[in-house]
Amino acid sequence: MPITVLLVDDHKIVRQGVRAYLHTLADIQVVAEADSGSAAVGAVEKHKPDVVLMDLEMPGEMDGIRATRQICKLRPETRVIVVTSHHQDEYIFPAVRAGAISYLLKDVEPDELADAIRKAAQGEAVIDSRVAARILKELQGLRKEQINPFTELSERELDVLRLVADGKSNAEIADMLVIGESTVKTHVGNLLKKLHLEDRTQAAVYAWQQGIVRRKG
């Protein structure tokens, strides 16, 4: 029996390209497509595919990470392969925690994608080398995550960090916390120093990874 696959991507041209290639393979069969996270969950319920190729950024309330989490709970035997253009930490680690078995980037070679599908059907993981490097650093503790932000940072610094992670500017943070903008700058500088981070972007990534802020919904 061929390996059944569900394609999930909000770009029709991407789905058409992947489907056209997989159609040339005798041992892999595309059984359905979905253009959103909620549609993907519904398609899994209906078609019960062996493997899902999941994009991460899609319209609607349910992105690829939430859809992966739902699918893995709904049908654990269905394996989810993330196929995305994002290789930043804020995408990698939530996707893996949601239950994705493999993580590939969209510049993957067609034969490598097919191989990943075959391996996923057997319960084997395939991780893009660039993503694997980030995961390895995480496991080795090279990203200073042994620091406990809840003990290192003051309550006010934690409040500032949460708002930085939420994309707020210094002026917006000052208004929300009813403090001066110069005070906000001081807090940002102090928390970066304590956490051994270089800039606000790293601080935002760190806050998401450490669970200091969480996705809504």
N, C-alpha and C. Protein backbone atom coordinates (compact mmCIF):
# COMPACT_ATOMS: atom_id res chain seq x y z
N MET A 1 0.84 -1.20 0.00
CA MET A 1 0.00 0.00 0.00
C MET A 1 0.87 1.25 0.00
N PRO A 2 0.51 2.26 -0.79
CA PRO A 2 1.30 3.48 -0.80
C PRO A 2 1.16 4.25 0.51
N ILE A 3 2.13 5.09 0.79
CA ILE A 3 2.07 5.98 1.95
C ILE A 3 1.14 7.13 1.59
N THR A 4 0.11 7.35 2.40
CA THR A 4 -0.86 8.41 2.10
C THR A 4 -0.41 9.72 2.75
N VAL A 5 -0.55 10.81 2.00
CA VAL A 5 -0.02 12.11 2.43
C VAL A 5 -1.07 13.20 2.31
N LEU A 6 -1.10 14.08 3.31
CA LEU A 6 -1.92 15.29 3.28
C LEU A 6 -0.99 16.49 3.11
N LEU A 7 -1.26 17.34 2.12
CA LEU A 7 -0.47 18.55 1.88
C LEU A 7 -1.16 19.74 2.54
N VAL A 8 -0.43 20.47 3.37
CA VAL A 8 -1.00 21.63 4.06
C VAL A 8 -0.12 22.85 3.79
N ASP A 9 -0.67 23.79 3.01
CA ASP A 9 0.05 25.03 2.70
C ASP A 9 -0.98 26.01 2.16
N ASP A 10 -0.87 27.28 2.56
CA ASP A 10 -1.87 28.25 2.10
C ASP A 10 -1.59 28.75 0.69
N HIS A 11 -0.46 28.35 0.10
CA HIS A 11 -0.15 28.73 -1.27
C HIS A 11 -0.46 27.55 -2.21
N LYS A 12 -1.44 27.76 -3.08
CA LYS A 12 -1.87 26.69 -3.98
C LYS A 12 -0.75 26.23 -4.89
N ILE A 13 0.08 27.17 -5.34
CA ILE A 13 1.15 26.81 -6.27
C ILE A 13 2.17 25.88 -5.60
N VAL A 14 2.38 26.06 -4.30
CA VAL A 14 3.29 25.17 -3.56
C VAL A 14 2.69 23.77 -3.49
N ARG A 15 1.41 23.71 -3.17
CA ARG A 15 0.75 22.40 -3.08
C ARG A 15 0.76 21.69 -4.43
N GLN A 16 0.51 22.45 -5.50
CA GLN A 16 0.50 21.85 -6.83
C GLN A 16 1.87 21.29 -7.21
N GLY A 17 2.92 22.04 -6.86
CA GLY A 17 4.27 21.58 -7.19
C GLY A 17 4.64 20.32 -6.45
N VAL A 18 4.33 20.28 -5.15
CA VAL A 18 4.65 19.09 -4.35
C VAL A 18 3.82 17.91 -4.82
N ARG A 19 2.53 18.15 -5.07
CA ARG A 19 1.66 17.06 -5.53
C ARG A 19 2.16 16.49 -6.85
N ALA A 20 2.55 17.36 -7.76
CA ALA A 20 3.01 16.91 -9.08
C ALA A 20 4.23 16.01 -8.95
N TYR A 21 5.14 16.38 -8.05
CA TYR A 21 6.33 15.54 -7.87
C TYR A 21 5.97 14.21 -7.21
N LEU A 22 5.20 14.28 -6.13
CA LEU A 22 4.87 13.04 -5.41
C LEU A 22 4.03 12.10 -6.27
N HIS A 23 3.30 12.66 -7.23
CA HIS A 23 2.48 11.83 -8.12
C HIS A 23 3.34 10.91 -9.00
N THR A 24 4.61 11.28 -9.15
CA THR A 24 5.51 10.45 -9.97
C THR A 24 6.05 9.25 -9.20
N LEU A 25 5.78 9.20 -7.91
CA LEU A 25 6.32 8.13 -7.06
C LEU A 25 5.25 7.08 -6.80
N ALA A 26 5.59 5.85 -7.05
CA ALA A 26 4.60 4.77 -6.92
C ALA A 26 4.23 4.47 -5.48
N ASP A 27 5.13 4.76 -4.54
CA ASP A 27 4.89 4.36 -3.16
C ASP A 27 4.34 5.48 -2.29
N ILE A 28 4.03 6.64 -2.87
CA ILE A 28 3.48 7.76 -2.10
C ILE A 28 2.26 8.30 -2.83
N GLN A 29 1.17 8.51 -2.09
CA GLN A 29 -0.08 8.98 -2.69
C GLN A 29 -0.61 10.18 -1.90
N VAL A 30 -0.83 11.30 -2.59
CA VAL A 30 -1.45 12.47 -1.96
C VAL A 30 -2.96 12.24 -1.95
N VAL A 31 -3.54 12.23 -0.75
CA VAL A 31 -4.97 11.94 -0.63
C VAL A 31 -5.81 13.19 -0.42
N ALA A 32 -5.16 14.29 -0.02
CA ALA A 32 -5.93 15.51 0.22
C ALA A 32 -4.99 16.70 0.36
N GLU A 33 -5.58 17.90 0.26
CA GLU A 33 -4.84 19.15 0.47
C GLU A 33 -5.63 20.03 1.43
N ALA A 34 -4.94 20.93 2.11
CA ALA A 34 -5.59 21.89 2.99
C ALA A 34 -4.83 23.20 2.93
N ASP A 35 -5.57 24.32 3.04
CA ASP A 35 -4.93 25.62 2.95
C ASP A 35 -4.93 26.39 4.27
N SER A 36 -5.30 25.70 5.36
CA SER A 36 -5.30 26.32 6.68
C SER A 36 -5.14 25.25 7.75
N GLY A 37 -4.83 25.68 8.96
CA GLY A 37 -4.67 24.73 10.04
C GLY A 37 -5.95 23.99 10.38
N SER A 38 -7.06 24.72 10.43
CA SER A 38 -8.33 24.08 10.77
C SER A 38 -8.75 23.10 9.68
N ALA A 39 -8.51 23.46 8.42
CA ALA A 39 -8.83 22.54 7.32
C ALA A 39 -7.96 21.30 7.39
N ALA A 40 -6.72 21.46 7.84
CA ALA A 40 -5.82 20.31 7.96
C ALA A 40 -6.34 19.31 8.99
N VAL A 41 -6.79 19.83 10.13
CA VAL A 41 -7.33 18.94 11.17
C VAL A 41 -8.54 18.18 10.64
N GLY A 42 -9.42 18.89 9.94
CA GLY A 42 -10.58 18.23 9.36
C GLY A 42 -10.21 17.18 8.34
N ALA A 43 -9.18 17.47 7.53
CA ALA A 43 -8.75 16.51 6.52
C ALA A 43 -8.14 15.26 7.14
N VAL A 44 -7.45 15.43 8.26
CA VAL A 44 -6.88 14.27 8.96
C VAL A 44 -8.00 13.40 9.50
N GLU A 45 -9.02 14.02 10.04
CA GLU A 45 -10.16 13.25 10.54
C GLU A 45 -10.83 12.46 9.42
N LYS A 46 -10.94 13.06 8.25
CA LYS A 46 -11.64 12.43 7.13
C LYS A 46 -10.80 11.39 6.41
N HIS A 47 -9.54 11.72 6.13
CA HIS A 47 -8.73 10.87 5.26
C HIS A 47 -7.74 9.97 6.01
N LYS A 48 -7.45 10.30 7.26
CA LYS A 48 -6.53 9.51 8.09
C LYS A 48 -5.21 9.20 7.36
N PRO A 49 -4.50 10.24 6.95
CA PRO A 49 -3.25 10.03 6.21
C PRO A 49 -2.14 9.48 7.09
N ASP A 50 -1.17 8.86 6.45
CA ASP A 50 0.00 8.37 7.18
C ASP A 50 0.91 9.53 7.56
N VAL A 51 1.02 10.52 6.65
CA VAL A 51 1.96 11.63 6.84
C VAL A 51 1.29 12.94 6.44
N VAL A 52 1.58 13.99 7.20
CA VAL A 52 1.13 15.34 6.87
C VAL A 52 2.35 16.21 6.60
N LEU A 53 2.36 16.91 5.47
CA LEU A 53 3.38 17.91 5.19
C LEU A 53 2.80 19.26 5.60
N MET A 54 3.33 19.86 6.66
CA MET A 54 2.71 21.00 7.31
C MET A 54 3.51 22.29 7.18
N ASP A 55 2.89 23.30 6.58
CA ASP A 55 3.45 24.64 6.61
C ASP A 55 3.16 25.24 7.98
N LEU A 56 3.91 26.26 8.39
CA LEU A 56 3.71 26.83 9.72
C LEU A 56 2.88 28.10 9.72
N GLU A 57 3.14 28.98 8.79
CA GLU A 57 2.41 30.25 8.75
C GLU A 57 1.26 30.17 7.77
N MET A 58 0.03 30.24 8.31
CA MET A 58 -1.16 30.19 7.48
C MET A 58 -2.22 31.11 8.04
N PRO A 59 -3.18 31.53 7.24
CA PRO A 59 -4.22 32.45 7.72
C PRO A 59 -5.16 31.78 8.70
N GLY A 60 -5.88 32.60 9.44
CA GLY A 60 -6.83 32.06 10.40
C GLY A 60 -6.24 31.95 11.79
N GLU A 61 -7.05 31.52 12.71
CA GLU A 61 -6.63 31.43 14.11
C GLU A 61 -5.70 30.26 14.38
N MET A 62 -5.76 29.23 13.57
CA MET A 62 -4.95 28.04 13.82
C MET A 62 -3.76 27.98 12.86
N ASP A 63 -2.58 28.27 13.37
CA ASP A 63 -1.38 28.19 12.54
C ASP A 63 -0.89 26.75 12.48
N GLY A 64 0.24 26.53 11.82
CA GLY A 64 0.74 25.18 11.64
C GLY A 64 1.13 24.50 12.94
N ILE A 65 1.61 25.26 13.90
CA ILE A 65 2.00 24.68 15.19
C ILE A 65 0.78 24.18 15.94
N ARG A 66 -0.25 25.01 16.00
CA ARG A 66 -1.48 24.58 16.69
C ARG A 66 -2.13 23.41 15.96
N ALA A 67 -2.09 23.45 14.64
CA ALA A 67 -2.67 22.34 13.88
C ALA A 67 -1.89 21.05 14.13
N THR A 68 -0.57 21.15 14.19
CA THR A 68 0.25 19.97 14.48
C THR A 68 -0.10 19.38 15.83
N ARG A 69 -0.26 20.25 16.81
CA ARG A 69 -0.61 19.78 18.16
C ARG A 69 -1.96 19.06 18.15
N GLN A 70 -2.94 19.63 17.45
CA GLN A 70 -4.26 19.02 17.38
C GLN A 70 -4.22 17.67 16.66
N ILE A 71 -3.48 17.63 15.56
CA ILE A 71 -3.40 16.39 14.78
C ILE A 71 -2.73 15.28 15.58
N CYS A 72 -1.67 15.62 16.28
CA CYS A 72 -0.95 14.61 17.06
C CYS A 72 -1.80 14.07 18.21
N LYS A 73 -2.68 14.90 18.74
CA LYS A 73 -3.61 14.43 19.79
C LYS A 73 -4.74 13.61 19.17
N LEU A 74 -5.24 14.09 18.04
CA LEU A 74 -6.37 13.44 17.39
C LEU A 74 -5.99 12.08 16.82
N ARG A 75 -4.82 12.01 16.19
CA ARG A 75 -4.42 10.78 15.51
C ARG A 75 -2.90 10.61 15.64
N PRO A 76 -2.43 10.07 16.74
CA PRO A 76 -0.99 9.94 16.98
C PRO A 76 -0.25 9.14 15.92
N GLU A 77 -0.95 8.25 15.23
CA GLU A 77 -0.27 7.42 14.22
C GLU A 77 0.02 8.21 12.94
N THR A 78 -0.61 9.36 12.78
CA THR A 78 -0.29 10.24 11.65
C THR A 78 0.95 11.06 11.99
N ARG A 79 1.96 10.99 11.15
CA ARG A 79 3.22 11.69 11.40
C ARG A 79 3.22 13.05 10.70
N VAL A 80 3.63 14.08 11.41
CA VAL A 80 3.65 15.43 10.85
C VAL A 80 5.08 15.85 10.52
N ILE A 81 5.29 16.22 9.26
CA ILE A 81 6.57 16.78 8.82
C ILE A 81 6.37 18.26 8.58
N VAL A 82 7.08 19.09 9.30
CA VAL A 82 7.03 20.53 9.05
C VAL A 82 7.87 20.84 7.82
N VAL A 83 7.29 21.58 6.89
CA VAL A 83 8.03 22.05 5.70
C VAL A 83 7.81 23.56 5.64
N THR A 84 8.83 24.32 5.97
CA THR A 84 8.67 25.76 6.12
C THR A 84 9.92 26.49 5.64
N SER A 85 9.80 27.80 5.53
CA SER A 85 10.95 28.62 5.17
C SER A 85 11.64 29.17 6.42
N HIS A 86 11.08 28.89 7.60
CA HIS A 86 11.59 29.46 8.85
C HIS A 86 12.53 28.50 9.57
N HIS A 87 13.70 28.99 9.95
CA HIS A 87 14.60 28.17 10.74
C HIS A 87 15.02 28.89 12.02
N GLN A 88 14.20 29.83 12.46
CA GLN A 88 14.47 30.52 13.72
C GLN A 88 13.95 29.69 14.89
N ASP A 89 14.55 29.93 16.06
CA ASP A 89 14.20 29.15 17.24
C ASP A 89 12.72 29.24 17.60
N GLU A 90 12.13 30.43 17.39
CA GLU A 90 10.73 30.59 17.81
C GLU A 90 9.77 29.77 16.97
N TYR A 91 10.25 29.20 15.87
CA TYR A 91 9.45 28.27 15.07
C TYR A 91 9.85 26.82 15.34
N ILE A 92 11.15 26.58 15.42
CA ILE A 92 11.66 25.20 15.55
C ILE A 92 11.14 24.53 16.81
N PHE A 93 11.40 25.13 17.96
CA PHE A 93 11.11 24.44 19.22
C PHE A 93 9.61 24.27 19.50
N PRO A 94 8.76 25.27 19.23
CA PRO A 94 7.33 25.03 19.38
C PRO A 94 6.81 23.93 18.47
N ALA A 95 7.35 23.85 17.24
CA ALA A 95 6.89 22.81 16.31
C ALA A 95 7.27 21.42 16.80
N VAL A 96 8.50 21.29 17.30
CA VAL A 96 8.95 20.00 17.82
C VAL A 96 8.14 19.62 19.06
N ARG A 97 7.91 20.59 19.94
CA ARG A 97 7.13 20.31 21.14
C ARG A 97 5.69 19.95 20.80
N ALA A 98 5.18 20.49 19.69
CA ALA A 98 3.81 20.20 19.29
C ALA A 98 3.66 18.77 18.79
N GLY A 99 4.78 18.14 18.43
CA GLY A 99 4.72 16.74 18.01
C GLY A 99 5.23 16.43 16.62
N ALA A 100 5.75 17.43 15.92
CA ALA A 100 6.29 17.18 14.58
C ALA A 100 7.45 16.19 14.65
N ILE A 101 7.45 15.21 13.77
CA ILE A 101 8.52 14.21 13.79
C ILE A 101 9.74 14.68 13.01
N SER A 102 9.51 15.54 12.00
CA SER A 102 10.60 16.03 11.16
C SER A 102 10.42 17.51 10.90
N TYR A 103 11.53 18.18 10.58
CA TYR A 103 11.50 19.62 10.32
C TYR A 103 12.39 19.88 9.12
N LEU A 104 11.76 20.28 8.00
CA LEU A 104 12.49 20.53 6.77
C LEU A 104 12.26 21.97 6.30
N LEU A 105 13.21 22.51 5.58
CA LEU A 105 13.05 23.83 4.99
C LEU A 105 12.60 23.69 3.54
N LYS A 106 11.97 24.73 3.02
CA LYS A 106 11.34 24.64 1.71
C LYS A 106 12.31 24.55 0.55
N ASP A 107 13.60 24.71 0.82
CA ASP A 107 14.57 24.51 -0.25
C ASP A 107 15.07 23.07 -0.29
N VAL A 108 14.37 22.17 0.41
CA VAL A 108 14.73 20.76 0.43
C VAL A 108 14.65 20.19 -0.99
N GLU A 109 15.56 19.29 -1.32
CA GLU A 109 15.53 18.63 -2.62
C GLU A 109 14.34 17.66 -2.68
N PRO A 110 13.72 17.51 -3.84
CA PRO A 110 12.55 16.64 -3.95
C PRO A 110 12.78 15.22 -3.45
N ASP A 111 13.93 14.63 -3.81
CA ASP A 111 14.19 13.26 -3.37
C ASP A 111 14.39 13.19 -1.87
N GLU A 112 14.91 14.26 -1.27
CA GLU A 112 15.07 14.30 0.18
C GLU A 112 13.70 14.38 0.87
N LEU A 113 12.79 15.13 0.27
CA LEU A 113 11.43 15.21 0.81
C LEU A 113 10.76 13.85 0.76
N ALA A 114 10.88 13.17 -0.36
CA ALA A 114 10.28 11.84 -0.49
C ALA A 114 10.88 10.88 0.53
N ASP A 115 12.19 10.97 0.72
CA ASP A 115 12.85 10.11 1.69
C ASP A 115 12.35 10.40 3.10
N ALA A 116 12.14 11.68 3.40
CA ALA A 116 11.63 12.06 4.72
C ALA A 116 10.22 11.51 4.94
N ILE A 117 9.41 11.52 3.90
CA ILE A 117 8.06 10.97 4.00
C ILE A 117 8.12 9.47 4.30
N ARG A 118 8.97 8.77 3.59
CA ARG A 118 9.10 7.32 3.81
C ARG A 118 9.58 7.03 5.23
N LYS A 119 10.55 7.81 5.69
CA LYS A 119 11.06 7.60 7.05
C LYS A 119 10.02 7.95 8.10
N ALA A 120 9.29 9.04 7.87
CA ALA A 120 8.25 9.42 8.84
C ALA A 120 7.21 8.32 8.98
N ALA A 121 6.85 7.70 7.86
CA ALA A 121 5.87 6.61 7.89
C ALA A 121 6.36 5.44 8.74
N GLN A 122 7.69 5.33 8.87
CA GLN A 122 8.29 4.27 9.69
C GLN A 122 8.64 4.77 11.10
N GLY A 123 8.27 6.02 11.39
CA GLY A 123 8.54 6.58 12.71
C GLY A 123 9.93 7.14 12.88
N GLU A 124 10.62 7.43 11.76
CA GLU A 124 11.97 7.96 11.83
C GLU A 124 11.97 9.46 11.52
N ALA A 125 12.80 10.21 12.22
CA ALA A 125 12.85 11.66 12.07
C ALA A 125 13.91 12.08 11.06
N VAL A 126 13.64 13.19 10.38
CA VAL A 126 14.61 13.83 9.50
C VAL A 126 14.60 15.32 9.83
N ILE A 127 15.75 15.87 10.15
CA ILE A 127 15.87 17.27 10.53
C ILE A 127 16.86 17.96 9.61
N ASP A 128 16.47 19.10 9.04
CA ASP A 128 17.40 19.87 8.22
C ASP A 128 18.66 20.18 9.02
N SER A 129 19.81 20.15 8.38
CA SER A 129 21.07 20.31 9.09
C SER A 129 21.16 21.65 9.82
N ARG A 130 20.57 22.71 9.22
CA ARG A 130 20.60 24.02 9.88
C ARG A 130 19.75 24.02 11.13
N VAL A 131 18.65 23.32 11.08
CA VAL A 131 17.77 23.21 12.25
C VAL A 131 18.41 22.31 13.30
N ALA A 132 19.02 21.23 12.85
CA ALA A 132 19.67 20.31 13.78
C ALA A 132 20.76 21.01 14.58
N ALA A 133 21.46 21.95 13.94
CA ALA A 133 22.51 22.69 14.63
C ALA A 133 21.93 23.51 15.78
N ARG A 134 20.74 24.10 15.57
CA ARG A 134 20.10 24.88 16.62
C ARG A 134 19.66 23.97 17.77
N ILE A 135 19.12 22.81 17.41
CA ILE A 135 18.68 21.88 18.45
C ILE A 135 19.86 21.36 19.24
N LEU A 136 20.96 21.08 18.56
CA LEU A 136 22.15 20.60 19.24
C LEU A 136 22.67 21.63 20.24
N LYS A 137 22.71 22.87 19.83
CA LYS A 137 23.15 23.92 20.74
C LYS A 137 22.23 24.03 21.95
N GLU A 138 20.94 23.82 21.70
CA GLU A 138 19.97 23.84 22.80
C GLU A 138 20.29 22.74 23.80
N LEU A 139 20.54 21.54 23.29
CA LEU A 139 20.81 20.41 24.16
C LEU A 139 22.14 20.55 24.90
N GLN A 140 23.09 21.19 24.25
CA GLN A 140 24.40 21.37 24.86
C GLN A 140 24.43 22.52 25.86
N GLY A 141 23.33 23.27 25.89
CA GLY A 141 23.28 24.37 26.85
C GLY A 141 24.16 25.54 26.47
N LEU A 142 24.44 25.70 25.16
CA LEU A 142 25.31 26.79 24.75
C LEU A 142 24.57 28.12 24.66
N ARG A 143 23.27 28.10 24.83
CA ARG A 143 22.50 29.32 24.70
C ARG A 143 22.14 29.93 26.05
N LYS A 144 22.89 29.55 27.07
CA LYS A 144 22.76 30.14 28.40
C LYS A 144 21.39 29.91 29.02
N GLU A 145 20.72 28.84 28.62
CA GLU A 145 19.39 28.61 29.16
C GLU A 145 19.41 28.00 30.55
N GLN A 146 20.64 27.75 31.09
CA GLN A 146 20.71 27.29 32.45
C GLN A 146 20.37 28.42 33.42
N ILE A 147 20.37 29.65 32.93
CA ILE A 147 19.99 30.79 33.75
C ILE A 147 18.49 30.74 34.00
N ASN A 148 18.08 30.92 35.24
CA ASN A 148 16.66 30.94 35.58
C ASN A 148 16.18 32.39 35.58
N PRO A 149 15.41 32.79 34.56
CA PRO A 149 15.00 34.19 34.48
C PRO A 149 14.11 34.62 35.62
N PHE A 150 13.39 33.66 36.23
CA PHE A 150 12.46 34.01 37.29
C PHE A 150 13.17 34.35 38.61
N THR A 151 14.43 33.92 38.72
CA THR A 151 15.21 34.29 39.90
C THR A 151 16.22 35.38 39.59
N GLU A 152 16.68 35.43 38.35
CA GLU A 152 17.68 36.43 37.96
C GLU A 152 17.06 37.82 37.76
N LEU A 153 15.83 37.85 37.26
CA LEU A 153 15.20 39.12 36.93
C LEU A 153 14.23 39.56 38.02
N SER A 154 14.12 40.87 38.19
CA SER A 154 13.12 41.42 39.10
C SER A 154 11.75 41.30 38.46
N GLU A 155 10.70 41.49 39.25
CA GLU A 155 9.34 41.42 38.71
C GLU A 155 9.14 42.45 37.62
N ARG A 156 9.67 43.66 37.81
CA ARG A 156 9.53 44.70 36.81
C ARG A 156 10.27 44.34 35.53
N GLU A 157 11.47 43.76 35.67
CA GLU A 157 12.22 43.35 34.49
C GLU A 157 11.49 42.24 33.74
N LEU A 158 10.84 41.33 34.46
CA LEU A 158 10.04 40.29 33.81
C LEU A 158 8.86 40.90 33.06
N ASP A 159 8.23 41.93 33.67
CA ASP A 159 7.13 42.60 32.99
C ASP A 159 7.61 43.23 31.69
N VAL A 160 8.77 43.88 31.75
CA VAL A 160 9.33 44.52 30.56
C VAL A 160 9.67 43.47 29.50
N LEU A 161 10.25 42.36 29.93
CA LEU A 161 10.63 41.30 29.00
C LEU A 161 9.40 40.74 28.29
N ARG A 162 8.31 40.54 29.02
CA ARG A 162 7.09 40.03 28.41
C ARG A 162 6.58 40.99 27.32
N LEU A 163 6.65 42.27 27.60
CA LEU A 163 6.16 43.25 26.63
C LEU A 163 7.11 43.38 25.44
N VAL A 164 8.40 43.24 25.68
CA VAL A 164 9.37 43.22 24.57
C VAL A 164 9.06 42.04 23.66
N ALA A 165 8.80 40.89 24.25
CA ALA A 165 8.47 39.69 23.47
C ALA A 165 7.17 39.85 22.71
N ASP A 166 6.30 40.72 23.22
CA ASP A 166 5.02 40.98 22.56
C ASP A 166 5.14 42.03 21.47
N GLY A 167 6.39 42.51 21.24
CA GLY A 167 6.64 43.45 20.16
C GLY A 167 6.41 44.91 20.49
N LYS A 168 6.29 45.22 21.79
CA LYS A 168 6.04 46.59 22.18
C LYS A 168 7.32 47.43 22.15
N SER A 169 7.16 48.69 21.78
CA SER A 169 8.29 49.61 21.79
C SER A 169 8.52 50.12 23.20
N ASN A 170 9.65 50.80 23.42
CA ASN A 170 9.93 51.37 24.74
C ASN A 170 8.84 52.36 25.15
N ALA A 171 8.38 53.17 24.20
CA ALA A 171 7.34 54.15 24.51
C ALA A 171 6.04 53.47 24.91
N GLU A 172 5.69 52.41 24.20
CA GLU A 172 4.47 51.66 24.52
C GLU A 172 4.58 50.99 25.88
N ILE A 173 5.76 50.43 26.16
CA ILE A 173 5.97 49.78 27.45
C ILE A 173 5.87 50.80 28.57
N ALA A 174 6.45 51.97 28.35
CA ALA A 174 6.39 53.03 29.36
C ALA A 174 4.95 53.40 29.67
N ASP A 175 4.12 53.54 28.63
CA ASP A 175 2.71 53.88 28.83
C ASP A 175 1.97 52.77 29.57
N MET A 176 2.23 51.53 29.21
CA MET A 176 1.51 50.41 29.81
C MET A 176 1.89 50.18 31.27
N LEU A 177 3.16 50.43 31.60
CA LEU A 177 3.62 50.21 32.98
C LEU A 177 3.63 51.49 33.80
N VAL A 178 3.27 52.59 33.15
CA VAL A 178 3.21 53.90 33.81
C VAL A 178 4.57 54.25 34.43
N ILE A 179 5.58 54.15 33.64
CA ILE A 179 6.93 54.52 34.04
C ILE A 179 7.57 55.33 32.92
N GLY A 180 8.71 55.96 33.18
CA GLY A 180 9.37 56.74 32.17
C GLY A 180 10.03 55.89 31.11
N GLU A 181 10.14 56.43 29.89
CA GLU A 181 10.77 55.68 28.81
C GLU A 181 12.24 55.41 29.11
N SER A 182 12.91 56.35 29.79
CA SER A 182 14.31 56.13 30.16
C SER A 182 14.44 54.97 31.15
N THR A 183 13.43 54.83 32.01
CA THR A 183 13.42 53.71 32.96
C THR A 183 13.27 52.39 32.23
N VAL A 184 12.43 52.40 31.18
CA VAL A 184 12.26 51.19 30.38
C VAL A 184 13.59 50.82 29.74
N LYS A 185 14.30 51.79 29.17
CA LYS A 185 15.59 51.52 28.55
C LYS A 185 16.57 50.92 29.55
N THR A 186 16.53 51.43 30.78
CA THR A 186 17.40 50.89 31.83
C THR A 186 17.05 49.43 32.12
N HIS A 187 15.75 49.15 32.24
CA HIS A 187 15.31 47.77 32.52
C HIS A 187 15.72 46.83 31.38
N VAL A 188 15.55 47.28 30.14
CA VAL A 188 15.92 46.45 28.99
C VAL A 188 17.42 46.17 29.03
N GLY A 189 18.21 47.20 29.27
CA GLY A 189 19.66 47.00 29.34
C GLY A 189 20.05 46.04 30.44
N ASN A 190 19.40 46.16 31.60
CA ASN A 190 19.72 45.28 32.73
C ASN A 190 19.36 43.83 32.45
N LEU A 191 18.19 43.61 31.86
CA LEU A 191 17.77 42.22 31.62
C LEU A 191 18.61 41.57 30.53
N LEU A 192 19.03 42.35 29.53
CA LEU A 192 19.92 41.80 28.50
C LEU A 192 21.24 41.38 29.12
N LYS A 193 21.76 42.20 30.01
CA LYS A 193 23.03 41.89 30.67
C LYS A 193 22.90 40.64 31.53
N LYS A 194 21.83 40.55 32.31
CA LYS A 194 21.64 39.42 33.22
C LYS A 194 21.46 38.10 32.46
N LEU A 195 20.81 38.17 31.31
CA LEU A 195 20.53 36.95 30.54
C LEU A 195 21.59 36.66 29.48
N HIS A 196 22.61 37.53 29.41
CA HIS A 196 23.70 37.36 28.44
C HIS A 196 23.17 37.37 27.01
N LEU A 197 22.28 38.30 26.73
CA LEU A 197 21.70 38.45 25.40
C LEU A 197 22.19 39.76 24.78
N GLU A 198 22.14 39.82 23.46
CA GLU A 198 22.71 40.97 22.76
C GLU A 198 21.70 42.05 22.41
N ASP A 199 20.46 41.67 22.13
CA ASP A 199 19.51 42.68 21.68
C ASP A 199 18.08 42.26 22.00
N ARG A 200 17.13 43.10 21.62
CA ARG A 200 15.72 42.86 21.91
C ARG A 200 15.19 41.63 21.19
N THR A 201 15.69 41.38 19.98
CA THR A 201 15.23 40.20 19.24
C THR A 201 15.59 38.92 19.99
N GLN A 202 16.82 38.83 20.46
CA GLN A 202 17.23 37.67 21.24
C GLN A 202 16.41 37.56 22.52
N ALA A 203 16.11 38.70 23.12
CA ALA A 203 15.30 38.69 24.35
C ALA A 203 13.91 38.15 24.08
N ALA A 204 13.32 38.55 22.95
CA ALA A 204 11.99 38.07 22.60
C ALA A 204 11.99 36.56 22.37
N VAL A 205 12.97 36.07 21.62
CA VAL A 205 13.09 34.63 21.37
C VAL A 205 13.25 33.88 22.69
N TYR A 206 14.10 34.40 23.55
CA TYR A 206 14.36 33.77 24.85
C TYR A 206 13.07 33.69 25.67
N ALA A 207 12.30 34.77 25.68
CA ALA A 207 11.07 34.79 26.46
C ALA A 207 10.07 33.75 25.98
N TRP A 208 9.97 33.58 24.65
CA TRP A 208 9.07 32.56 24.11
C TRP A 208 9.55 31.16 24.49
N GLN A 209 10.84 30.93 24.36
CA GLN A 209 11.39 29.60 24.62
C GLN A 209 11.24 29.21 26.09
N GLN A 210 11.41 30.18 26.97
CA GLN A 210 11.39 29.90 28.40
C GLN A 210 9.98 29.86 28.97
N GLY A 211 8.98 30.14 28.14
CA GLY A 211 7.61 30.11 28.63
C GLY A 211 7.24 31.35 29.42
N ILE A 212 8.04 32.41 29.32
CA ILE A 212 7.72 33.65 30.01
C ILE A 212 6.49 34.29 29.38
N VAL A 213 6.36 34.10 28.06
CA VAL A 213 5.13 34.46 27.36
C VAL A 213 4.68 33.24 26.59
N ARG A 214 3.40 33.17 26.33
CA ARG A 214 2.83 32.01 25.64
C ARG A 214 1.91 32.47 24.54
N ARG A 215 1.75 31.61 23.54
CA ARG A 215 0.84 31.92 22.43
C ARG A 215 -0.59 32.01 22.97
N LYS A 216 -1.30 32.95 22.40
CA LYS A 216 -2.70 33.13 22.81
C LYS A 216 -3.56 32.08 22.10
N GLY A 217 -4.52 31.60 22.83
CA GLY A 217 -5.45 30.63 22.23
C GLY A 217 -5.01 29.21 22.41
